[in-house]
Protein backbone atom coordinates (compact mmCIF):
# COMPACT_ATOMS: atom_id res chain seq x y z
CA MET A 1 3.58 -25.71 16.04
CA LYS A 2 2.68 -25.75 19.72
CA THR A 3 2.12 -28.98 21.60
CA ASN A 4 -1.06 -29.71 23.55
CA THR A 5 0.88 -29.23 26.78
CA GLN A 6 2.05 -25.79 25.70
CA ILE A 7 -1.48 -24.77 24.72
CA ARG A 8 -2.91 -26.04 28.02
CA ASN A 9 -0.25 -24.14 29.98
CA ARG A 10 -1.00 -20.96 28.04
CA ILE A 11 -4.73 -21.36 28.78
CA LEU A 12 -4.04 -21.97 32.48
CA ARG A 13 -1.95 -18.79 32.65
CA LYS A 14 -4.82 -16.84 31.08
CA ILE A 15 -7.29 -18.36 33.56
CA GLN A 16 -5.11 -17.16 36.44
CA ARG A 17 -5.60 -13.59 35.21
CA ILE A 18 -9.41 -13.78 35.00
CA PRO A 19 -11.19 -11.77 37.73
CA ALA A 20 -12.90 -13.84 40.43
CA ASP A 21 -16.33 -12.50 39.50
CA ARG A 22 -16.01 -14.06 36.01
CA LEU A 23 -14.89 -17.55 37.12
CA LYS A 24 -18.44 -18.95 37.29
CA GLU A 25 -19.02 -17.85 33.70
CA LEU A 26 -15.81 -19.58 32.66
CA GLU A 27 -16.81 -22.74 34.51
CA VAL A 28 -20.15 -22.86 32.66
CA PHE A 29 -18.38 -22.39 29.33
CA VAL A 30 -15.86 -25.14 30.04
CA SER A 31 -18.65 -27.47 31.19
CA LYS A 32 -20.46 -26.93 27.89
CA LEU A 33 -17.29 -27.75 25.98
CA GLU A 34 -16.85 -30.86 28.08
CA GLU A 35 -20.45 -32.02 27.50
CA THR A 36 -20.06 -31.60 23.75
CA THR A 37 -16.86 -33.62 23.77
CA ASN A 38 -18.37 -36.38 25.91
CA LYS A 39 -21.42 -36.69 23.64
CA LYS A 40 -19.24 -36.98 20.58
CA GLU A 41 -17.06 -39.64 22.21
CA LYS A 42 -20.13 -41.50 23.45
CA ASN A 43 -21.63 -41.54 19.96
CA LEU A 44 -18.37 -42.61 18.40
CA SER A 45 -18.13 -45.52 20.83
CA PHE A 46 -20.88 -47.19 18.78
CA ALA A 47 -18.87 -46.97 15.56
CA GLY A 48 -18.56 -50.39 13.97
CA ALA A 49 -21.03 -51.99 16.38
CA TRP A 50 -23.02 -53.46 13.49
CA LYS A 51 -20.02 -54.35 11.39
CA ASN A 52 -20.41 -58.11 11.79
CA ILE A 53 -24.22 -58.29 11.91
CA ASP A 54 -25.83 -61.14 9.99
CA ASP A 55 -27.32 -59.93 6.67
CA ASN A 56 -30.68 -61.60 7.34
CA LEU A 57 -30.97 -60.00 10.77
CA PHE A 58 -30.01 -56.58 9.37
CA ASN A 59 -32.62 -56.85 6.63
CA GLU A 60 -35.30 -57.92 9.11
CA LEU A 61 -34.48 -55.01 11.40
CA THR A 62 -34.53 -52.40 8.64
CA GLU A 63 -37.53 -53.73 6.70
CA ASN A 64 -39.77 -53.77 9.77
CA LEU A 65 -38.42 -50.62 11.37
CA LEU A 66 -41.33 -48.32 10.51
CA ASP A 67 -43.94 -50.85 11.72
CA ARG A 68 -42.12 -51.34 15.03
CA ARG A 69 -41.86 -47.58 15.55
CA ARG A 70 -45.60 -47.14 14.91
CA ARG A 71 -46.45 -49.91 17.40
CA ASN A 72 -44.14 -48.45 20.05
CA LYS A 73 -45.52 -44.95 19.53
CA ARG A 74 -49.03 -46.21 20.22
CA ARG A 75 -47.86 -47.81 23.47
CA ILE A 76 -46.20 -44.58 24.58
CA ASN A 77 -49.28 -42.47 23.81
CA GLU A 78 -51.69 -44.81 25.61
């Protein structure tokens, strides 16, 4: 099994062999990978945020959710 360092080094060696006219394409691809990773990490940063929320507050938030969304939608459309 290869380590992350070995895999990264292998990828870097392959990048060195890519023709200059294809580097922009590679950069775009890597940027897309990076964006996907950042979004996932950003979303996961909220994990457990509501773990200790008071039961009454949670019920109030969820029971009135649809009404609040309807009211906010009207404000946005006005």
